[in-house]
Protein backbone atom coordinates (compact mmCIF):
# COMPACT_ATOMS: atom_id res chain seq x y z
CA UNK A 1 -13.01 -12.33 -60.17
CA UNK A 2 -11.85 -9.65 -62.20
CA UNK A 3 -8.35 -8.17 -62.18
CA UNK A 4 -9.65 -4.90 -61.11
CA UNK A 5 -11.26 -6.68 -57.99
CA UNK A 6 -8.33 -8.68 -57.68
CA UNK A 7 -6.12 -5.83 -57.49
CA UNK A 8 -8.47 -3.87 -54.98
CA UNK A 9 -8.43 -6.99 -52.79
CA UNK A 10 -4.93 -7.42 -53.04
CA UNK A 11 -4.47 -4.12 -51.63
CA UNK A 12 -6.80 -4.35 -48.18
CA UNK A 13 -5.38 -5.15 -45.03
CA UNK A 14 -7.96 -8.05 -44.71
CA UNK A 15 -8.30 -11.49 -45.80
CA UNK A 16 -11.51 -12.72 -47.90
CA UNK A 17 -11.98 -16.82 -47.54
CA UNK A 18 -15.06 -18.41 -49.28
CA UNK A 19 -15.74 -22.29 -47.97
CA UNK A 20 -18.67 -24.61 -49.85
CA UNK A 21 -20.68 -26.91 -48.17
CA UNK A 22 -18.45 -29.65 -48.17
CA UNK A 23 -15.97 -27.23 -46.16
CA UNK A 24 -13.60 -26.72 -48.90
CA UNK A 25 -11.97 -23.23 -49.67
CA UNK A 26 -13.37 -22.28 -52.99
CA UNK A 27 -11.56 -18.92 -52.90
CA UNK A 28 -8.51 -16.67 -51.01
CA UNK A 29 -8.15 -13.15 -51.66
CA UNK A 30 -4.77 -12.35 -53.08
CA UNK A 31 -3.70 -10.38 -49.97
CA UNK A 32 -3.23 -13.92 -48.38
CA UNK A 33 0.31 -13.33 -50.26
CA UNK A 34 0.92 -10.25 -48.54
CA UNK A 35 -0.33 -11.06 -45.43
CA UNK A 36 0.55 -14.93 -44.81
CA UNK A 37 3.19 -15.48 -47.51
CA UNK A 38 1.16 -18.31 -49.45
CA UNK A 39 -0.13 -17.91 -53.05
CA UNK A 40 -4.17 -17.98 -52.97
CA UNK A 41 -3.48 -21.10 -55.06
CA UNK A 42 -1.78 -23.07 -52.15
CA UNK A 43 -4.91 -22.01 -49.45
CA UNK A 44 -8.00 -23.13 -51.75
CA UNK A 45 -9.32 -27.39 -51.05
CA UNK A 46 -7.78 -28.29 -47.82
CA UNK A 47 -4.35 -26.54 -48.11
CA UNK A 48 -6.07 -23.55 -46.04
CA UNK A 49 -6.75 -25.98 -42.98
CA UNK A 50 -3.21 -27.67 -43.38
CA UNK A 51 -0.92 -25.02 -44.37
CA UNK A 52 -2.38 -22.21 -41.86
CA UNK A 53 -2.47 -25.12 -38.59
CA UNK A 54 0.33 -27.15 -37.49
CA UNK A 55 -2.11 -28.96 -34.73
CA UNK A 56 -4.28 -31.67 -36.48
CA UNK A 57 -6.95 -31.28 -33.87
CA UNK A 58 -7.19 -27.23 -34.42
CA UNK A 59 -7.79 -28.01 -38.31
CA UNK A 60 -10.21 -30.51 -37.63
CA UNK A 61 -12.09 -28.46 -34.79
CA UNK A 62 -12.28 -25.04 -36.61
CA UNK A 63 -13.53 -26.92 -39.85
CA UNK A 64 -16.25 -28.81 -38.15
CA UNK A 65 -17.35 -25.41 -36.57
CA UNK A 66 -17.16 -24.04 -39.59
CA UNK A 67 -19.54 -26.49 -41.26
CA UNK A 68 -21.72 -26.34 -38.27
CA UNK A 69 -22.43 -22.64 -38.65
CA UNK A 70 -22.93 -23.38 -42.58
CA UNK A 71 -25.86 -25.86 -41.65
CA UNK A 72 -27.63 -23.54 -39.99
CA UNK A 73 -30.59 -22.03 -41.50
CA UNK A 74 -30.11 -18.50 -40.72
CA UNK A 75 -26.29 -17.74 -39.63
CA UNK A 76 -26.75 -16.24 -36.51
CA UNK A 77 -24.82 -12.74 -35.68
CA UNK A 78 -21.82 -13.64 -33.86
CA UNK A 79 -19.08 -11.67 -32.07
CA UNK A 80 -15.64 -11.59 -34.04
CA UNK A 81 -13.34 -14.54 -33.34
CA UNK A 82 -9.60 -14.06 -32.91
CA UNK A 83 -7.68 -17.09 -34.64
CA UNK A 84 -3.56 -17.44 -35.02
CA UNK A 85 -2.68 -18.45 -38.18
CA UNK A 86 0.69 -19.92 -39.32
CA UNK A 87 2.34 -17.78 -42.18
CA UNK A 88 5.00 -19.39 -44.74
CA UNK A 89 8.09 -18.54 -43.27
CA UNK A 90 6.60 -20.39 -39.90
CA UNK A 91 5.56 -16.75 -38.04
CA UNK A 92 2.52 -16.33 -36.50
CA UNK A 93 0.02 -14.08 -37.65
CA UNK A 94 -3.47 -12.85 -35.59
CA UNK A 95 -6.47 -12.56 -37.38
CA UNK A 96 -9.96 -11.01 -36.14
CA UNK A 97 -12.71 -13.29 -38.34
CA UNK A 98 -16.40 -11.92 -39.27
CA UNK A 99 -18.48 -14.20 -40.93
CA UNK A 100 -21.88 -14.34 -43.05
CA UNK A 101 -23.38 -16.53 -45.47
CA UNK A 102 -22.62 -16.08 -49.13
CA UNK A 103 -24.59 -17.16 -52.31
CA UNK A 104 -25.16 -20.98 -53.05
CA UNK A 105 -24.78 -21.92 -49.28
CA UNK A 106 -21.25 -20.72 -48.83
CA UNK A 107 -19.73 -19.30 -46.01
CA UNK A 108 -17.53 -16.21 -46.68
CA UNK A 109 -15.15 -15.19 -43.83
CA UNK A 110 -13.47 -11.54 -43.79
CA UNK A 111 -10.26 -11.55 -42.01
CA UNK A 112 -8.55 -8.41 -40.64
CA UNK A 113 -4.94 -8.54 -39.66
CA UNK A 114 -4.54 -7.51 -35.80
CA UNK A 115 -1.17 -8.57 -35.37
CA UNK A 116 0.50 -5.93 -33.96
CA UNK A 117 -2.68 -4.76 -32.06
CA UNK A 118 -2.51 -7.94 -30.33
CA UNK A 119 1.32 -7.88 -29.99
CA UNK A 120 0.77 -4.36 -27.79
CA UNK A 121 -2.05 -6.09 -26.05
CA UNK A 122 0.39 -9.13 -24.84
CA UNK A 123 2.70 -6.76 -24.27
CA UNK A 124 0.44 -4.53 -22.04
CA UNK A 125 -0.50 -7.67 -20.20
CA UNK A 126 3.00 -9.21 -19.81
CA UNK A 127 3.62 -5.28 -18.28
CA UNK A 128 0.21 -5.39 -16.12
CA UNK A 129 1.30 -8.79 -14.89
CA UNK A 130 4.59 -8.02 -13.54
CA UNK A 131 2.73 -4.75 -12.04
CA UNK A 132 0.84 -6.82 -10.30
CA UNK A 133 3.44 -9.32 -9.12
CA UNK A 134 5.64 -6.31 -8.06
CA UNK A 135 2.61 -4.60 -6.44
CA UNK A 136 2.11 -8.50 -4.29
CA UNK A 137 5.89 -8.69 -3.50
CA UNK A 138 6.07 -4.91 -2.05
CA UNK A 139 2.85 -5.42 0.07
CA UNK A 140 4.10 -8.96 1.60
CA UNK A 141 7.06 -7.03 2.26
CA UNK A 142 5.56 -4.26 3.82
CA UNK A 143 3.17 -6.76 5.84
CA UNK A 144 6.81 -8.36 6.94
CA UNK A 145 7.61 -5.09 8.15
CA UNK A 146 4.10 -4.52 10.08
CA UNK A 147 5.10 -8.01 11.61
CA UNK A 148 8.63 -6.43 12.73
CA UNK A 149 7.42 -3.27 13.95
CA UNK A 150 4.56 -5.02 16.18
CA UNK A 151 7.63 -7.28 17.55
CA UNK A 152 9.37 -4.47 18.65
CA UNK A 153 6.67 -2.46 20.72
CA UNK A 154 6.13 -3.49 24.08
CA UNK A 155 3.86 -5.91 25.12
CA UNK A 156 0.95 -3.53 27.13
CA UNK A 157 0.36 -6.38 29.60
CA UNK A 158 4.00 -5.57 30.86
CA UNK A 159 2.74 -1.49 31.49
CA UNK A 160 -0.20 -3.03 32.94
CA UNK A 161 2.14 -5.02 35.51
CA UNK A 162 3.80 -2.32 36.46
CA UNK A 163 1.13 0.10 37.10
CA UNK A 164 -1.96 0.59 38.50
CA UNK A 165 -3.91 0.32 35.05
CA UNK A 166 -2.99 1.23 31.51
CA UNK A 167 -3.95 1.48 27.93
CA UNK A 168 -2.72 1.70 24.41
CA UNK A 169 -4.41 3.20 21.62
CA UNK A 170 -2.24 2.52 18.74
CA UNK A 171 -3.94 2.93 15.00
CA UNK A 172 -1.49 3.21 12.30
CA UNK A 173 -2.53 5.29 9.05
CA UNK A 174 -1.37 2.62 6.75
CA UNK A 175 -0.01 -1.03 7.41
CA UNK A 176 3.17 0.23 8.93
CA UNK A 177 3.37 3.38 11.42
CA UNK A 178 5.49 6.15 12.22
CA UNK A 179 4.17 6.28 15.72
CA UNK A 180 5.93 4.36 18.38
CA UNK A 181 6.05 3.71 21.89
CA UNK A 182 8.73 2.39 24.13
CA UNK A 183 9.00 1.15 27.88
CA UNK A 184 11.38 -0.12 30.01
CA UNK A 185 11.84 -1.19 33.87
CA UNK A 186 15.10 -1.22 35.66
CA UNK A 187 14.79 -1.59 39.37
CA UNK A 188 12.32 1.34 40.87
CA UNK A 189 12.17 3.58 37.89
CA UNK A 190 10.01 3.07 34.56
CA UNK A 191 10.66 4.46 31.34
CA UNK A 192 7.93 5.42 28.91
CA UNK A 193 8.61 7.02 25.80
CA UNK A 194 6.35 8.23 23.25
CA UNK A 195 7.73 9.01 19.31
CA UNK A 196 6.00 10.70 16.42
CA UNK A 197 8.65 9.90 13.77
CA UNK A 198 8.57 12.00 10.38
CA UNK A 199 5.84 10.72 8.05
CA UNK A 200 3.77 7.43 8.31
CA UNK A 201 4.13 4.49 6.32
CA UNK A 202 7.12 2.78 5.30
CA UNK A 203 9.30 6.06 5.75
CA UNK A 204 7.81 6.63 9.40
CA UNK A 205 8.06 2.67 10.05
CA UNK A 206 11.94 2.94 9.24
CA UNK A 207 12.22 5.65 11.16
CA UNK A 208 10.47 3.97 14.38
CA UNK A 209 13.27 1.22 13.83
CA UNK A 210 15.91 3.69 14.25
CA UNK A 211 14.34 5.30 17.51
CA UNK A 212 13.79 1.58 19.09
CA UNK A 213 17.37 1.04 18.40
CA UNK A 214 18.14 4.44 19.70
CA UNK A 215 16.03 4.45 22.73
CA UNK A 216 17.56 1.00 24.05
CA UNK A 217 21.60 2.36 23.63
CA UNK A 218 20.67 5.47 25.35
CA UNK A 219 18.31 3.85 28.13
CA UNK A 220 19.23 0.17 28.33
CA UNK A 221 22.96 0.26 27.53
CA UNK A 222 24.35 3.22 28.62
CA UNK A 223 21.68 3.89 31.39
CA UNK A 224 20.89 7.48 31.11
CA UNK A 225 18.04 8.20 33.32
CA UNK A 226 17.14 11.75 33.24
CA UNK A 227 14.99 12.72 30.92
CA UNK A 228 16.52 15.86 29.37
CA UNK A 229 19.76 13.80 28.87
CA UNK A 230 17.70 11.04 27.46
CA UNK A 231 16.93 13.59 24.58
CA UNK A 232 20.06 14.56 24.12
CA UNK A 233 21.66 11.63 23.76
CA UNK A 234 18.96 10.51 21.32
CA UNK A 235 19.32 13.55 19.06
CA UNK A 236 23.02 12.34 18.93
CA UNK A 237 22.08 9.06 18.05
CA UNK A 238 19.75 10.05 15.29
CA UNK A 239 22.25 12.17 13.73
CA UNK A 240 24.89 9.45 13.74
CA UNK A 241 22.22 6.97 12.75
CA UNK A 242 21.03 9.12 9.40
CA UNK A 243 24.21 11.10 8.78
CA UNK A 244 26.35 8.32 7.13
CA UNK A 245 26.74 9.56 3.60
CA UNK A 246 29.86 10.33 2.41
CA UNK A 247 28.15 12.99 0.00
CA UNK A 248 28.01 15.42 2.52
CA UNK A 249 24.09 15.54 2.22
CA UNK A 250 22.54 16.34 5.90
CA UNK A 251 19.41 14.22 6.57
CA UNK A 252 16.42 16.76 7.79
CA UNK A 253 14.66 13.38 8.95
CA UNK A 254 13.42 13.40 12.50
CA UNK A 255 11.12 13.08 15.61
CA UNK A 256 8.79 14.28 18.59
CA UNK A 257 9.74 12.71 21.62
CA UNK A 258 7.90 12.50 25.26
CA UNK A 259 10.18 10.75 27.77
CA UNK A 260 8.81 10.14 31.43
CA UNK A 261 10.25 8.41 34.17
CA UNK A 262 8.33 7.31 37.10
CA UNK A 263 10.12 6.88 40.28
CA UNK A 264 8.30 4.44 42.32
CA UNK A 265 10.92 5.09 45.19
CA UNK A 266 10.39 8.71 45.51
CA UNK A 267 7.08 8.31 44.05
CA UNK A 268 7.77 11.28 41.70
CA UNK A 269 7.40 11.66 37.69
CA UNK A 270 10.00 13.53 35.55
CA UNK A 271 9.76 14.42 32.17
CA UNK A 272 11.11 16.06 29.15
CA UNK A 273 9.45 16.43 25.40
CA UNK A 274 10.90 17.35 22.10
CA UNK A 275 7.38 19.26 20.91
CA UNK A 276 5.33 16.55 22.63
CA UNK A 277 3.67 17.38 25.90
CA UNK A 278 2.50 14.82 28.40
CA UNK A 279 -1.11 15.24 29.93
CA UNK A 280 -1.81 14.72 33.74
CA UNK A 281 -5.15 14.37 35.41
CA UNK A 282 -5.46 14.72 39.17
CA UNK A 283 -8.42 15.18 40.65
CA UNK A 284 -10.54 15.99 37.21
CA UNK A 285 -8.32 18.86 36.90
CA UNK A 286 -5.80 18.73 33.87
CA UNK A 287 -2.34 19.89 34.20
CA UNK A 288 0.02 20.26 30.60
CA UNK A 289 3.84 19.15 31.03
CA UNK A 290 5.00 21.31 28.14
CA UNK A 291 7.88 20.26 25.77
CA UNK A 292 10.94 21.85 24.35
CA UNK A 293 10.08 23.78 20.91
CA UNK A 294 13.23 21.92 19.55
CA UNK A 295 12.58 18.02 17.58
CA UNK A 296 14.89 15.56 17.49
CA UNK A 297 16.73 15.06 14.25
CA UNK A 298 16.04 17.71 11.74
CA UNK A 299 18.85 20.94 13.09
CA UNK A 300 22.10 19.66 13.30
CA UNK A 301 23.64 23.09 13.37
CA UNK A 302 20.90 24.58 16.39
CA UNK A 303 21.91 24.48 19.55
CA UNK A 304 18.87 22.70 21.02
CA UNK A 305 17.86 23.11 24.93
CA UNK A 306 15.87 19.86 26.63
CA UNK A 307 14.48 20.92 30.04
CA UNK A 308 13.53 18.18 32.63
CA UNK A 309 10.52 18.81 34.79
CA UNK A 310 9.74 16.56 38.01
CA UNK A 311 6.15 16.16 39.63
CA UNK A 312 5.07 14.60 42.93
CA UNK A 313 2.85 11.77 42.04
CA UNK A 314 -0.37 10.93 44.09
CA UNK A 315 -1.88 7.60 43.70
CA UNK A 316 -4.73 7.72 41.04
CA UNK A 317 -2.81 10.27 39.33
CA UNK A 318 -3.37 9.49 35.42
CA UNK A 319 -0.97 10.13 32.51
CA UNK A 320 -1.25 10.69 28.77
CA UNK A 321 1.18 10.46 26.37
CA UNK A 322 0.28 10.95 22.68
CA UNK A 323 1.18 11.73 19.17
CA UNK A 324 -0.56 14.32 17.39
CA UNK A 325 -2.66 11.81 15.23
CA UNK A 326 -5.74 12.05 17.13
CA UNK A 327 -6.02 16.03 17.63
CA UNK A 328 -5.25 16.37 13.68
CA UNK A 329 -7.88 14.49 12.36
CA UNK A 330 -10.59 16.07 10.12
CA UNK A 331 -13.77 15.43 10.89
CA UNK A 332 -17.13 16.80 12.53
CA UNK A 333 -19.83 18.77 10.51
CA UNK A 334 -17.54 21.52 9.47
CA UNK A 335 -14.59 18.65 8.74
CA UNK A 336 -12.29 20.55 10.85
CA UNK A 337 -9.48 18.87 13.13
CA UNK A 338 -10.50 17.88 16.34
CA UNK A 339 -7.85 20.35 17.80
CA UNK A 340 -5.94 19.84 21.24
CA UNK A 341 -8.76 21.65 23.01
CA UNK A 342 -11.24 19.26 22.47
CA UNK A 343 -8.61 16.26 23.38
CA UNK A 344 -8.05 17.65 26.57
CA UNK A 345 -11.81 17.72 27.07
CA UNK A 346 -12.47 14.39 25.78
CA UNK A 347 -9.68 12.79 28.22
CA UNK A 348 -11.44 14.73 31.34
CA UNK A 349 -14.90 13.44 30.52
CA UNK A 350 -13.39 9.62 30.71
CA UNK A 351 -12.16 10.27 34.29
CA UNK A 352 -14.91 7.70 35.47
CA UNK A 353 -14.32 5.10 33.12
CA UNK A 354 -11.78 2.24 33.93
CA UNK A 355 -8.92 2.33 31.45
CA UNK A 356 -9.78 -0.34 28.99
CA UNK A 357 -13.24 1.95 28.83
CA UNK A 358 -11.34 4.93 28.07
CA UNK A 359 -9.49 2.90 25.61
CA UNK A 360 -12.68 2.17 23.40
CA UNK A 361 -14.08 5.45 24.15
CA UNK A 362 -11.11 7.48 22.12
CA UNK A 363 -11.45 4.93 19.66
CA UNK A 364 -15.49 5.27 19.50
CA UNK A 365 -15.05 9.33 19.75
CA UNK A 366 -12.69 9.46 16.76
CA UNK A 367 -14.30 6.98 14.54
CA UNK A 368 -17.49 9.04 14.76
CA UNK A 369 -15.59 12.23 14.76
CA UNK A 370 -13.78 10.99 11.44
CA UNK A 371 -17.06 9.72 9.67
CA UNK A 372 -16.03 9.49 6.41
CA UNK A 373 -12.72 11.19 6.26
CA UNK A 374 -9.71 9.18 5.52
CA UNK A 375 -7.71 8.83 8.46
CA UNK A 376 -4.85 11.56 8.20
CA UNK A 377 -2.30 10.30 10.26
CA UNK A 378 -1.02 7.79 12.48
CA UNK A 379 -2.41 7.91 15.98
CA UNK A 380 -0.98 6.74 19.62
CA UNK A 381 -2.44 7.80 22.90
CA UNK A 382 -1.29 6.04 26.26
CA UNK A 383 -3.11 6.29 29.20
CA UNK A 384 -1.50 5.28 32.48
CA UNK A 385 -2.74 5.27 35.85
CA UNK A 386 -0.29 5.59 39.03
């Protein structure tokens, strides 16, 4: 080629290679010196195959593929192919090749140096692989936390063995839940607690673990039985658990709690709540036991007042402990919250059903209400028939 043409080809960020029908390289553009570090003369003949690849099988297969292309009557349009070539200093460069038929049955290959792009792609692939593995590890950890959370939840059968009948509708928004329930029997008394912790998912689940430990400390270890006193002690235990920081930062996490104590000897039910009421259905009439308007946790510098209420229990009374997830679910034609009023009406409409039927009915109504709307919060509804 002319000196002018060589000067132009040398400045291109591309290689031009011409192969004759015997598979020998007849021409290599001057840009080979800049891209691969070889003088073009070194690469003609078999030099191209031998110097740019270490692997003998690789040399032979690429050369055979090239000869096969050249034997075609008309070279078919093929997608560009990426090849890794060795340079004179032993490093490697990625080249993207486009091939076409040349004069005198030669094959002309135009190769673009895509090494920088390829390195970026490989680095991105490495990061994506790390991210996928990180997400997998995190999901595995959450799944493990879910199994731990399931393990600390009371067996529903334990509750059914103590009362005439019962159900627990427990539906976390995510893999793990910020809603939690507690059950314990001591002598003639049974303790039932529903807890709605700050948030849902992993943060809520961590709070539920704290709630579980605190309730065991207060009810089982310390033996406190008055519901209001349980709430005061729970509030203190939560403060101790969440405010161990040496930097003086006070945690504002907390939970809403309903505590019920059934006394089988006196046929009485004692209750105290921190933002969580309890609903009682008696003779198809609904009674709401109202909660104190103070949460457990959140405010360390506020004097809280929790008040216990005691009612006589009659055979057939049904008690409902619940968090706000059911009532706060968006749905229906207007995409509004289910709300507390509809929830009360729903419970009244289910009184002719057995408790397991009530649970299935609550699940059906919530699903029908949601339709395509995502679940907005953890859901917990406990029904206990005395």
